Amino acid sequence: MDQFQEAHESSVGQNFITWYNAKHRTAFKFVGRPDEAPDLIFRDGDRELRAEVTTCYYDPQHAQFLWKPARGKADAPRSWSAQDFVNGLIHSINDELERKCNNDTGQSASL
């Protein structure tokens, strides 16, 4: 993982946990990033919250439009446009959910 992705995930996680703590009157704090999944771990006393962070895009060109300049790439696009925003975003969300759900987080579920 590069520094830009790490900074992005940390920022998203901090914004989420700030909202979550205010909504649920908890005091979760960031405690680390494991080697594999999940992306972030928060603790409040003996309670642990494991978080996966993902970002969705309207299409692959949208992702390049956002990330290439952030990484200082010379071939970064200067503009972007899409034809079907809604369907592109829906597909991206579904693809990311499937990808994240297939990750092994080291946690087993019991039914």
PDB file of N, CA and C in Angstrom:
ATOM      1  N   MET A   1       0.851  -1.175   0.000  1.00  0.00           N
ATOM      2  CA  MET A   1       0.000   0.000   0.000  1.00  0.00           C
ATOM      3  C   MET A   1       0.894   1.233   0.000  1.00  0.00           C
ATOM      4  N   ASP A   2       0.507   2.210  -0.780  1.00  0.00           N
ATOM      5  CA  ASP A   2       1.307   3.425  -0.825  1.00  0.00           C
ATOM      6  C   ASP A   2       0.808   4.448   0.195  1.00  0.00           C
ATOM      7  N   GLN A   3       1.588   5.500   0.377  1.00  0.00           N
ATOM      8  CA  GLN A   3       1.281   6.505   1.402  1.00  0.00           C
ATOM      9  C   GLN A   3      -0.032   7.223   1.136  1.00  0.00           C
ATOM     10  N   PHE A   4      -0.419   7.377  -0.140  1.00  0.00           N
ATOM     11  CA  PHE A   4      -1.650   8.082  -0.474  1.00  0.00           C
ATOM     12  C   PHE A   4      -2.877   7.262  -0.080  1.00  0.00           C
ATOM     13  N   GLN A   5      -2.819   5.959  -0.369  1.00  0.00           N
ATOM     14  CA  GLN A   5      -3.932   5.090   0.014  1.00  0.00           C
ATOM     15  C   GLN A   5      -4.028   5.000   1.533  1.00  0.00           C
ATOM     16  N   GLU A   6      -2.898   4.872   2.188  1.00  0.00           N
ATOM     17  CA  GLU A   6      -2.896   4.797   3.653  1.00  0.00           C
ATOM     18  C   GLU A   6      -3.477   6.068   4.274  1.00  0.00           C
ATOM     19  N   ALA A   7      -3.071   7.220   3.764  1.00  0.00           N
ATOM     20  CA  ALA A   7      -3.594   8.493   4.279  1.00  0.00           C
ATOM     21  C   ALA A   7      -5.093   8.604   4.015  1.00  0.00           C
ATOM     22  N   HIS A   8      -5.520   8.163   2.836  1.00  0.00           N
ATOM     23  CA  HIS A   8      -6.947   8.205   2.483  1.00  0.00           C
ATOM     24  C   HIS A   8      -7.755   7.322   3.436  1.00  0.00           C
ATOM     25  N   GLU A   9      -7.312   6.068   3.620  1.00  0.00           N
ATOM     26  CA  GLU A   9      -8.032   5.155   4.506  1.00  0.00           C
ATOM     27  C   GLU A   9      -8.059   5.663   5.939  1.00  0.00           C
ATOM     28  N   SER A  10      -6.947   6.219   6.407  1.00  0.00           N
ATOM     29  CA  SER A  10      -6.902   6.754   7.771  1.00  0.00           C
ATOM     30  C   SER A  10      -7.874   7.918   7.940  1.00  0.00           C
ATOM     31  N   SER A  11      -7.921   8.800   6.954  1.00  0.00           N
ATOM     32  CA  SER A  11      -8.829   9.946   7.016  1.00  0.00           C
ATOM     33  C   SER A  11     -10.290   9.506   6.998  1.00  0.00           C
ATOM     34  N   VAL A  12     -10.627   8.588   6.107  1.00  0.00           N
ATOM     35  CA  VAL A  12     -12.002   8.078   6.042  1.00  0.00           C
ATOM     36  C   VAL A  12     -12.360   7.394   7.362  1.00  0.00           C
ATOM     37  N   GLY A  13     -11.443   6.585   7.879  1.00  0.00           N
ATOM     38  CA  GLY A  13     -11.689   5.898   9.142  1.00  0.00           C
ATOM     39  C   GLY A  13     -11.881   6.850  10.301  1.00  0.00           C
ATOM     40  N   GLN A  14     -11.066   7.903  10.360  1.00  0.00           N
ATOM     41  CA  GLN A  14     -11.193   8.875  11.452  1.00  0.00           C
ATOM     42  C   GLN A  14     -12.513   9.624  11.366  1.00  0.00           C
ATOM     43  N   ASN A  15     -12.913  10.005  10.155  1.00  0.00           N
ATOM     44  CA  ASN A  15     -14.209  10.678   9.993  1.00  0.00           C
ATOM     45  C   ASN A  15     -15.353   9.764  10.413  1.00  0.00           C
ATOM     46  N   PHE A  16     -15.268   8.496  10.020  1.00  0.00           N
ATOM     47  CA  PHE A  16     -16.313   7.543  10.385  1.00  0.00           C
ATOM     48  C   PHE A  16     -16.387   7.359  11.900  1.00  0.00           C
ATOM     49  N   ILE A  17     -15.228   7.134  12.545  1.00  0.00           N
ATOM     50  CA  ILE A  17     -15.256   6.828  13.978  1.00  0.00           C
ATOM     51  C   ILE A  17     -15.679   8.045  14.792  1.00  0.00           C
ATOM     52  N   THR A  18     -15.388   9.242  14.324  1.00  0.00           N
ATOM     53  CA  THR A  18     -15.859  10.459  14.984  1.00  0.00           C
ATOM     54  C   THR A  18     -17.381  10.506  14.934  1.00  0.00           C
ATOM     55  N   TRP A  19     -17.950  10.245  13.757  1.00  0.00           N
ATOM     56  CA  TRP A  19     -19.419  10.204  13.605  1.00  0.00           C
ATOM     57  C   TRP A  19     -20.008   9.091  14.478  1.00  0.00           C
ATOM     58  N   TYR A  20     -19.416   7.889  14.418  1.00  0.00           N
ATOM     59  CA  TYR A  20     -19.928   6.742  15.159  1.00  0.00           C
ATOM     60  C   TYR A  20     -19.922   7.009  16.666  1.00  0.00           C
ATOM     61  N   ASN A  21     -18.817   7.533  17.178  1.00  0.00           N
ATOM     62  CA  ASN A  21     -18.724   7.831  18.608  1.00  0.00           C
ATOM     63  C   ASN A  21     -19.789   8.839  19.039  1.00  0.00           C
ATOM     64  N   ALA A  22     -20.013   9.871  18.240  1.00  0.00           N
ATOM     65  CA  ALA A  22     -21.029  10.876  18.583  1.00  0.00           C
ATOM     66  C   ALA A  22     -22.429  10.267  18.558  1.00  0.00           C
ATOM     67  N   LYS A  23     -22.693   9.436  17.579  1.00  0.00           N
ATOM     68  CA  LYS A  23     -24.025   8.836  17.424  1.00  0.00           C
ATOM     69  C   LYS A  23     -24.320   7.812  18.514  1.00  0.00           C
ATOM     70  N   HIS A  24     -23.329   7.018  18.891  1.00  0.00           N
ATOM     71  CA  HIS A  24     -23.537   5.905  19.825  1.00  0.00           C
ATOM     72  C   HIS A  24     -22.967   6.147  21.223  1.00  0.00           C
ATOM     73  N   ARG A  25     -22.466   7.356  21.447  1.00  0.00           N
ATOM     74  CA  ARG A  25     -21.889   7.710  22.756  1.00  0.00           C
ATOM     75  C   ARG A  25     -20.819   6.705  23.189  1.00  0.00           C
ATOM     76  N   THR A  26     -19.917   6.419  22.258  1.00  0.00           N
ATOM     77  CA  THR A  26     -18.803   5.524  22.526  1.00  0.00           C
ATOM     78  C   THR A  26     -17.518   6.331  22.478  1.00  0.00           C
ATOM     79  N   ALA A  27     -16.409   5.670  22.750  1.00  0.00           N
ATOM     80  CA  ALA A  27     -15.117   6.363  22.753  1.00  0.00           C
ATOM     81  C   ALA A  27     -14.065   5.537  22.006  1.00  0.00           C
ATOM     82  N   PHE A  28     -14.430   5.002  20.852  1.00  0.00           N
ATOM     83  CA  PHE A  28     -13.470   4.231  20.072  1.00  0.00           C
ATOM     84  C   PHE A  28     -12.329   5.130  19.612  1.00  0.00           C
ATOM     85  N   LYS A  29     -11.125   4.560  19.671  1.00  0.00           N
ATOM     86  CA  LYS A  29      -9.929   5.256  19.207  1.00  0.00           C
ATOM     87  C   LYS A  29      -9.143   4.314  18.308  1.00  0.00           C
ATOM     88  N   PHE A  30      -8.479   4.895  17.327  1.00  0.00           N
ATOM     89  CA  PHE A  30      -7.653   4.122  16.404  1.00  0.00           C
ATOM     90  C   PHE A  30      -6.503   3.487  17.164  1.00  0.00           C
ATOM     91  N   VAL A  31      -6.293   2.169  16.944  1.00  0.00           N
ATOM     92  CA  VAL A  31      -5.184   1.493  17.619  1.00  0.00           C
ATOM     93  C   VAL A  31      -4.199   0.854  16.658  1.00  0.00           C
ATOM     94  N   GLY A  32      -4.566   0.711  15.394  1.00  0.00           N
ATOM     95  CA  GLY A  32      -3.580   0.152  14.481  1.00  0.00           C
ATOM     96  C   GLY A  32      -4.118  -0.318  13.159  1.00  0.00           C
ATOM     97  N   ARG A  33      -3.159  -0.698  12.326  1.00  0.00           N
ATOM     98  CA  ARG A  33      -3.427  -1.269  11.015  1.00  0.00           C
ATOM     99  C   ARG A  33      -2.773  -2.644  11.001  1.00  0.00           C
ATOM    100  N   PRO A  34      -3.543  -3.698  10.863  1.00  0.00           N
ATOM    101  CA  PRO A  34      -2.925  -5.025  10.800  1.00  0.00           C
ATOM    102  C   PRO A  34      -2.176  -5.218   9.477  1.00  0.00           C
ATOM    103  N   ASP A  35      -1.369  -6.288   9.406  1.00  0.00           N
ATOM    104  CA  ASP A  35      -0.620  -6.571   8.179  1.00  0.00           C
ATOM    105  C   ASP A  35      -1.546  -6.840   6.999  1.00  0.00           C
ATOM    106  N   GLU A  36      -2.611  -7.525   7.239  1.00  0.00           N
ATOM    107  CA  GLU A  36      -3.557  -7.862   6.175  1.00  0.00           C
ATOM    108  C   GLU A  36      -4.850  -7.094   6.423  1.00  0.00           C
ATOM    109  N   ALA A  37      -5.977  -7.797   6.403  1.00  0.00           N
ATOM    110  CA  ALA A  37      -7.286  -7.177   6.642  1.00  0.00           C
ATOM    111  C   ALA A  37      -7.641  -7.325   8.110  1.00  0.00           C
ATOM    112  N   PRO A  38      -8.462  -6.513   8.669  1.00  0.00           N
ATOM    113  CA  PRO A  38      -9.133  -5.367   8.066  1.00  0.00           C
ATOM    114  C   PRO A  38      -8.169  -4.189   7.933  1.00  0.00           C
ATOM    115  N   ASP A  39      -8.673  -3.108   7.359  1.00  0.00           N
ATOM    116  CA  ASP A  39      -7.818  -1.951   7.130  1.00  0.00           C
ATOM    117  C   ASP A  39      -7.452  -1.226   8.417  1.00  0.00           C
ATOM    118  N   LEU A  40      -8.412  -1.090   9.324  1.00  0.00           N
ATOM    119  CA  LEU A  40      -8.211  -0.299  10.535  1.00  0.00           C
ATOM    120  C   LEU A  40      -8.823  -1.014  11.737  1.00  0.00           C
ATOM    121  N   ILE A  41      -8.238  -0.804  12.908  1.00  0.00           N
ATOM    122  CA  ILE A  41      -8.790  -1.356  14.149  1.00  0.00           C
ATOM    123  C   ILE A  41      -8.946  -0.218  15.149  1.00  0.00           C
ATOM    124  N   PHE A  42     -10.130  -0.166  15.756  1.00  0.00           N
ATOM    125  CA  PHE A  42     -10.448   0.825  16.787  1.00  0.00           C
ATOM    126  C   PHE A  42     -10.815   0.078  18.061  1.00  0.00           C
ATOM    127  N   ARG A  43     -10.546   0.677  19.224  1.00  0.00           N
ATOM    128  CA  ARG A  43     -10.919   0.069  20.506  1.00  0.00           C
ATOM    129  C   ARG A  43     -11.557   1.100  21.410  1.00  0.00           C
ATOM    130  N   ASP A  44     -12.510   0.586  22.192  1.00  0.00           N
ATOM    131  CA  ASP A  44     -13.143   1.348  23.264  1.00  0.00           C
ATOM    132  C   ASP A  44     -13.173   0.395  24.449  1.00  0.00           C
ATOM    133  N   GLY A  45     -12.191   0.527  25.348  1.00  0.00           N
ATOM    134  CA  GLY A  45     -12.077  -0.417  26.461  1.00  0.00           C
ATOM    135  C   GLY A  45     -11.766  -1.802  25.921  1.00  0.00           C
ATOM    136  N   ASP A  46     -12.616  -2.783  26.252  1.00  0.00           N
ATOM    137  CA  ASP A  46     -12.392  -4.145  25.772  1.00  0.00           C
ATOM    138  C   ASP A  46     -13.148  -4.445  24.479  1.00  0.00           C
ATOM    139  N   ARG A  47     -13.836  -3.439  23.947  1.00  0.00           N
ATOM    140  CA  ARG A  47     -14.556  -3.630  22.671  1.00  0.00           C
ATOM    141  C   ARG A  47     -13.658  -3.234  21.507  1.00  0.00           C
ATOM    142  N   GLU A  48     -13.730  -4.029  20.449  1.00  0.00           N
ATOM    143  CA  GLU A  48     -12.927  -3.776  19.262  1.00  0.00           C
ATOM    144  C   GLU A  48     -13.830  -3.631  18.049  1.00  0.00           C
ATOM    145  N   LEU A  49     -13.526  -2.646  17.218  1.00  0.00           N
ATOM    146  CA  LEU A  49     -14.258  -2.426  15.983  1.00  0.00           C
ATOM    147  C   LEU A  49     -13.240  -2.515  14.853  1.00  0.00           C
ATOM    148  N   ARG A  50     -13.449  -3.469  13.941  1.00  0.00           N
ATOM    149  CA  ARG A  50     -12.557  -3.672  12.809  1.00  0.00           C
ATOM    150  C   ARG A  50     -13.226  -3.080  11.579  1.00  0.00           C
ATOM    151  N   ALA A  51     -12.506  -2.240  10.848  1.00  0.00           N
ATOM    152  CA  ALA A  51     -13.105  -1.512   9.733  1.00  0.00           C
ATOM    153  C   ALA A  51     -12.376  -1.775   8.423  1.00  0.00           C
ATOM    154  N   GLU A  52     -13.152  -1.998   7.384  1.00  0.00           N
ATOM    155  CA  GLU A  52     -12.661  -2.073   6.011  1.00  0.00           C
ATOM    156  C   GLU A  52     -13.056  -0.775   5.323  1.00  0.00           C
ATOM    157  N   VAL A  53     -12.142  -0.170   4.613  1.00  0.00           N
ATOM    158  CA  VAL A  53     -12.400   1.086   3.911  1.00  0.00           C
ATOM    159  C   VAL A  53     -12.349   0.814   2.410  1.00  0.00           C
ATOM    160  N   THR A  54     -13.307   1.351   1.695  1.00  0.00           N
ATOM    161  CA  THR A  54     -13.286   1.239   0.241  1.00  0.00           C
ATOM    162  C   THR A  54     -13.789   2.533  -0.375  1.00  0.00           C
ATOM    163  N   THR A  55     -13.407   2.764  -1.595  1.00  0.00           N
ATOM    164  CA  THR A  55     -13.843   3.946  -2.327  1.00  0.00           C
ATOM    165  C   THR A  55     -14.404   3.499  -3.662  1.00  0.00           C
ATOM    166  N   CYS A  56     -15.495   4.105  -4.045  1.00  0.00           N
ATOM    167  CA  CYS A  56     -16.136   3.763  -5.316  1.00  0.00           C
ATOM    168  C   CYS A  56     -16.013   4.924  -6.288  1.00  0.00           C
ATOM    169  N   TYR A  57     -16.021   4.579  -7.558  1.00  0.00           N
ATOM    170  CA  TYR A  57     -15.839   5.563  -8.625  1.00  0.00           C
ATOM    171  C   TYR A  57     -16.917   5.371  -9.681  1.00  0.00           C
ATOM    172  N   TYR A  58     -17.129   6.401 -10.469  1.00  0.00           N
ATOM    173  CA  TYR A  58     -18.116   6.314 -11.539  1.00  0.00           C
ATOM    174  C   TYR A  58     -17.649   5.393 -12.659  1.00  0.00           C
ATOM    175  N   ASP A  59     -16.356   5.354 -12.891  1.00  0.00           N
ATOM    176  CA  ASP A  59     -15.771   4.467 -13.896  1.00  0.00           C
ATOM    177  C   ASP A  59     -14.258   4.454 -13.660  1.00  0.00           C
ATOM    178  N   PRO A  60     -13.522   3.579 -14.327  1.00  0.00           N
ATOM    179  CA  PRO A  60     -12.071   3.521 -14.109  1.00  0.00           C
ATOM    180  C   PRO A  60     -11.354   4.844 -14.425  1.00  0.00           C
ATOM    181  N   GLN A  61     -11.857   5.583 -15.402  1.00  0.00           N
ATOM    182  CA  GLN A  61     -11.231   6.859 -15.733  1.00  0.00           C
ATOM    183  C   GLN A  61     -11.405   7.871 -14.596  1.00  0.00           C
ATOM    184  N   HIS A  62     -12.534   7.790 -13.893  1.00  0.00           N
ATOM    185  CA  HIS A  62     -12.762   8.662 -12.747  1.00  0.00           C
ATOM    186  C   HIS A  62     -11.711   8.402 -11.668  1.00  0.00           C
ATOM    187  N   ALA A  63     -11.424   7.131 -11.407  1.00  0.00           N
ATOM    188  CA  ALA A  63     -10.404   6.774 -10.413  1.00  0.00           C
ATOM    189  C   ALA A  63      -9.043   7.320 -10.830  1.00  0.00           C
ATOM    190  N   GLN A  64      -8.706   7.178 -12.104  1.00  0.00           N
ATOM    191  CA  GLN A  64      -7.428   7.703 -12.585  1.00  0.00           C
ATOM    192  C   GLN A  64      -7.379   9.219 -12.479  1.00  0.00           C
ATOM    193  N   PHE A  65      -8.492   9.875 -12.786  1.00  0.00           N
ATOM    194  CA  PHE A  65      -8.574  11.326 -12.703  1.00  0.00           C
ATOM    195  C   PHE A  65      -8.297  11.816 -11.279  1.00  0.00           C
ATOM    196  N   LEU A  66      -8.742  11.058 -10.284  1.00  0.00           N
ATOM    197  CA  LEU A  66      -8.536  11.450  -8.888  1.00  0.00           C
ATOM    198  C   LEU A  66      -7.165  11.039  -8.347  1.00  0.00           C
ATOM    199  N   TRP A  67      -6.724   9.822  -8.652  1.00  0.00           N
ATOM    200  CA  TRP A  67      -5.543   9.285  -8.005  1.00  0.00           C
ATOM    201  C   TRP A  67      -4.227   9.588  -8.703  1.00  0.00           C
ATOM    202  N   LYS A  68      -4.216   9.668 -10.011  1.00  0.00           N
ATOM    203  CA  LYS A  68      -2.934   9.942 -10.689  1.00  0.00           C
ATOM    204  C   LYS A  68      -2.357  11.302 -10.299  1.00  0.00           C
ATOM    205  N   PRO A  69      -3.154  12.376 -10.277  1.00  0.00           N
ATOM    206  CA  PRO A  69      -2.574  13.652  -9.830  1.00  0.00           C
ATOM    207  C   PRO A  69      -2.112  13.609  -8.369  1.00  0.00           C
ATOM    208  N   ALA A  70      -2.855  12.908  -7.532  1.00  0.00           N
ATOM    209  CA  ALA A  70      -2.476  12.808  -6.112  1.00  0.00           C
ATOM    210  C   ALA A  70      -1.125  12.128  -5.954  1.00  0.00           C
ATOM    211  N   ARG A  71      -0.823  11.214  -6.870  1.00  0.00           N
ATOM    212  CA  ARG A  71       0.444  10.486  -6.815  1.00  0.00           C
ATOM    213  C   ARG A  71       1.529  11.159  -7.671  1.00  0.00           C
ATOM    214  N   GLY A  72       1.198  12.327  -8.258  1.00  0.00           N
ATOM    215  CA  GLY A  72       2.170  13.072  -9.041  1.00  0.00           C
ATOM    216  C   GLY A  72       2.546  12.422 -10.363  1.00  0.00           C
ATOM    217  N   LYS A  73       1.647  11.644 -10.940  1.00  0.00           N
ATOM    218  CA  LYS A  73       1.929  10.955 -12.204  1.00  0.00           C
ATOM    219  C   LYS A  73       1.895  11.942 -13.364  1.00  0.00           C
ATOM    220  N   ALA A  74       2.884  11.848 -14.229  1.00  0.00           N
ATOM    221  CA  ALA A  74       2.981  12.751 -15.378  1.00  0.00           C
ATOM    222  C   ALA A  74       1.842  12.546 -16.371  1.00  0.00           C
ATOM    223  N   ASP A  75       1.317  11.331 -16.433  1.00  0.00           N
ATOM    224  CA  ASP A  75       0.243  11.045 -17.392  1.00  0.00           C
ATOM    225  C   ASP A  75      -1.156  11.236 -16.788  1.00  0.00           C
ATOM    226  N   ALA A  76      -1.240  12.000 -15.717  1.00  0.00           N
ATOM    227  CA  ALA A  76      -2.542  12.239 -15.070  1.00  0.00           C
ATOM    228  C   ALA A  76      -3.480  12.987 -16.017  1.00  0.00           C
ATOM    229  N   PRO A  77      -4.724  12.510 -16.118  1.00  0.00           N
ATOM    230  CA  PRO A  77      -5.676  13.214 -16.980  1.00  0.00           C
ATOM    231  C   PRO A  77      -6.020  14.589 -16.401  1.00  0.00           C
ATOM    232  N   ARG A  78      -6.256  15.534 -17.282  1.00  0.00           N
ATOM    233  CA  ARG A  78      -6.601  16.895 -16.859  1.00  0.00           C
ATOM    234  C   ARG A  78      -8.103  17.107 -16.787  1.00  0.00           C
ATOM    235  N   SER A  79      -8.849  16.191 -17.388  1.00  0.00           N
ATOM    236  CA  SER A  79     -10.308  16.293 -17.334  1.00  0.00           C
ATOM    237  C   SER A  79     -10.896  14.888 -17.353  1.00  0.00           C
ATOM    238  N   TRP A  80     -12.158  14.834 -17.028  1.00  0.00           N
ATOM    239  CA  TRP A  80     -12.869  13.559 -16.998  1.00  0.00           C
ATOM    240  C   TRP A  80     -14.341  13.825 -17.233  1.00  0.00           C
ATOM    241  N   SER A  81     -14.973  12.935 -17.951  1.00  0.00           N
ATOM    242  CA  SER A  81     -16.426  12.989 -18.108  1.00  0.00           C
ATOM    243  C   SER A  81     -16.928  11.564 -18.276  1.00  0.00           C
ATOM    244  N   ALA A  82     -18.167  11.361 -17.905  1.00  0.00           N
ATOM    245  CA  ALA A  82     -18.760  10.017 -17.999  1.00  0.00           C
ATOM    246  C   ALA A  82     -20.125  10.135 -18.639  1.00  0.00           C
ATOM    247  N   GLN A  83     -20.605   9.010 -19.140  1.00  0.00           N
ATOM    248  CA  GLN A  83     -21.896   8.980 -19.801  1.00  0.00           C
ATOM    249  C   GLN A  83     -23.021   8.549 -18.862  1.00  0.00           C
ATOM    250  N   ASP A  84     -22.753   7.561 -18.032  1.00  0.00           N
ATOM    251  CA  ASP A  84     -23.816   6.955 -17.228  1.00  0.00           C
ATOM    252  C   ASP A  84     -23.387   6.904 -15.761  1.00  0.00           C
ATOM    253  N   PHE A  85     -23.493   8.045 -15.092  1.00  0.00           N
ATOM    254  CA  PHE A  85     -23.021   8.162 -13.716  1.00  0.00           C
ATOM    255  C   PHE A  85     -23.677   7.153 -12.774  1.00  0.00           C
ATOM    256  N   VAL A  86     -24.984   7.036 -12.829  1.00  0.00           N
ATOM    257  CA  VAL A  86     -25.714   6.203 -11.875  1.00  0.00           C
ATOM    258  C   VAL A  86     -25.319   4.737 -12.017  1.00  0.00           C
ATOM    259  N   ASN A  87     -25.401   4.196 -13.218  1.00  0.00           N
ATOM    260  CA  ASN A  87     -25.065   2.783 -13.404  1.00  0.00           C
ATOM    261  C   ASN A  87     -23.590   2.506 -13.136  1.00  0.00           C
ATOM    262  N   GLY A  88     -22.722   3.441 -13.519  1.00  0.00           N
ATOM    263  CA  GLY A  88     -21.305   3.261 -13.232  1.00  0.00           C
ATOM    264  C   GLY A  88     -21.035   3.195 -11.749  1.00  0.00           C
ATOM    265  N   LEU A  89     -21.656   4.070 -10.987  1.00  0.00           N
ATOM    266  CA  LEU A  89     -21.467   4.075  -9.540  1.00  0.00           C
ATOM    267  C   LEU A  89     -22.063   2.826  -8.906  1.00  0.00           C
ATOM    268  N   ILE A  90     -23.227   2.406  -9.359  1.00  0.00           N
ATOM    269  CA  ILE A  90     -23.853   1.177  -8.842  1.00  0.00           C
ATOM    270  C   ILE A  90     -22.940  -0.024  -9.081  1.00  0.00           C
ATOM    271  N   HIS A  91     -22.381  -0.128 -10.274  1.00  0.00           N
ATOM    272  CA  HIS A  91     -21.468  -1.241 -10.574  1.00  0.00           C
ATOM    273  C   HIS A  91     -20.223  -1.179  -9.694  1.00  0.00           C
ATOM    274  N   SER A  92     -19.675   0.012  -9.510  1.00  0.00           N
ATOM    275  CA  SER A  92     -18.494   0.161  -8.681  1.00  0.00           C
ATOM    276  C   SER A  92     -18.780  -0.243  -7.230  1.00  0.00           C
ATOM    277  N   ILE A  93     -19.914   0.187  -6.704  1.00  0.00           N
ATOM    278  CA  ILE A  93     -20.295  -0.173  -5.331  1.00  0.00           C
ATOM    279  C   ILE A  93     -20.437  -1.685  -5.204  1.00  0.00           C
ATOM    280  N   ASN A  94     -21.146  -2.305  -6.137  1.00  0.00           N
ATOM    281  CA  ASN A  94     -21.332  -3.763  -6.095  1.00  0.00           C
ATOM    282  C   ASN A  94     -20.007  -4.508  -6.215  1.00  0.00           C
ATOM    283  N   ASP A  95     -19.132  -4.051  -7.116  1.00  0.00           N
ATOM    284  CA  ASP A  95     -17.820  -4.692  -7.273  1.00  0.00           C
ATOM    285  C   ASP A  95     -16.989  -4.578  -6.000  1.00  0.00           C
ATOM    286  N   GLU A  96     -16.998  -3.400  -5.375  1.00  0.00           N
ATOM    287  CA  GLU A  96     -16.217  -3.202  -4.155  1.00  0.00           C
ATOM    288  C   GLU A  96     -16.779  -4.009  -2.986  1.00  0.00           C
ATOM    289  N   LEU A  97     -18.095  -4.082  -2.883  1.00  0.00           N
ATOM    290  CA  LEU A  97     -18.700  -4.900  -1.826  1.00  0.00           C
ATOM    291  C   LEU A  97     -18.312  -6.369  -1.997  1.00  0.00           C
ATOM    292  N   GLU A  98     -18.372  -6.855  -3.213  1.00  0.00           N
ATOM    293  CA  GLU A  98     -17.991  -8.243  -3.466  1.00  0.00           C
ATOM    294  C   GLU A  98     -16.520  -8.476  -3.136  1.00  0.00           C
ATOM    295  N   ARG A  99     -15.665  -7.560  -3.568  1.00  0.00           N
ATOM    296  CA  ARG A  99     -14.236  -7.691  -3.309  1.00  0.00           C
ATOM    297  C   ARG A  99     -13.942  -7.670  -1.814  1.00  0.00           C
ATOM    298  N   LYS A 100     -14.522  -6.737  -1.090  1.00  0.00           N
ATOM    299  CA  LYS A 100     -14.278  -6.636   0.343  1.00  0.00           C
ATOM    300  C   LYS A 100     -14.856  -7.826   1.096  1.00  0.00           C
ATOM    301  N   CYS A 101     -16.015  -8.307   0.675  1.00  0.00           N
ATOM    302  CA  CYS A 101     -16.636  -9.454   1.349  1.00  0.00           C
ATOM    303  C   CYS A 101     -15.840 -10.737   1.136  1.00  0.00           C
ATOM    304  N   ASN A 102     -15.053 -10.794   0.089  1.00  0.00           N
ATOM    305  CA  ASN A 102     -14.228 -11.968  -0.171  1.00  0.00           C
ATOM    306  C   ASN A 102     -12.895 -11.918   0.559  1.00  0.00           C
ATOM    307  N   ASN A 103     -12.559 -10.798   1.201  1.00  0.00           N
ATOM    308  CA  ASN A 103     -11.316 -10.688   1.956  1.00  0.00           C
ATOM    309  C   ASN A 103     -11.390 -11.536   3.216  1.00  0.00           C
ATOM    310  N   ASP A 104     -10.282 -12.163   3.549  1.00  0.00           N
ATOM    311  CA  ASP A 104     -10.176 -12.922   4.787  1.00  0.00           C
ATOM    312  C   ASP A 104      -9.707 -11.976   5.881  1.00  0.00           C
ATOM    313  N   THR A 105     -10.591 -11.654   6.820  1.00  0.00           N
ATOM    314  CA  THR A 105     -10.242 -10.722   7.893  1.00  0.00           C
ATOM    315  C   THR A 105      -9.719 -11.428   9.128  1.00  0.00           C
ATOM    316  N   GLY A 106      -9.574 -12.744   9.060  1.00  0.00           N
ATOM    317  CA  GLY A 106      -9.091 -13.479  10.214  1.00  0.00           C
ATOM    318  C   GLY A 106     -10.157 -13.702  11.264  1.00  0.00           C
ATOM    319  N   GLN A 107     -11.368 -13.305  10.983  1.00  0.00           N
ATOM    320  CA  GLN A 107     -12.475 -13.476  11.911  1.00  0.00           C
ATOM    321  C   GLN A 107     -13.384 -14.569  11.376  1.00  0.00           C
ATOM    322  N   SER A 108     -13.795 -15.452  12.237  1.00  0.00           N
ATOM    323  CA  SER A 108     -14.732 -16.486  11.809  1.00  0.00           C
ATOM    324  C   SER A 108     -16.120 -16.124  12.311  1.00  0.00           C
ATOM    325  N   ALA A 109     -17.085 -16.474  11.538  1.00  0.00           N
ATOM    326  CA  ALA A 109     -18.484 -16.200  11.914  1.00  0.00           C
ATOM    327  C   ALA A 109     -19.125 -17.499  12.371  1.00  0.00           C
ATOM    328  N   SER A 110     -19.903 -17.427  13.400  1.00  0.00           N
ATOM    329  CA  SER A 110     -20.635 -18.606  13.828  1.00  0.00           C
ATOM    330  C   SER A 110     -22.122 -18.347  13.646  1.00  0.00           C
ATOM    331  N   LEU A 111     -22.807 -19.318  13.160  1.00  0.00           N
ATOM    332  CA  LEU A 111     -24.232 -19.175  12.895  1.00  0.00           C
ATOM    333  C   LEU A 111     -25.045 -19.867  13.957  1.00  0.00           C
TER     334      LEU A 111
END
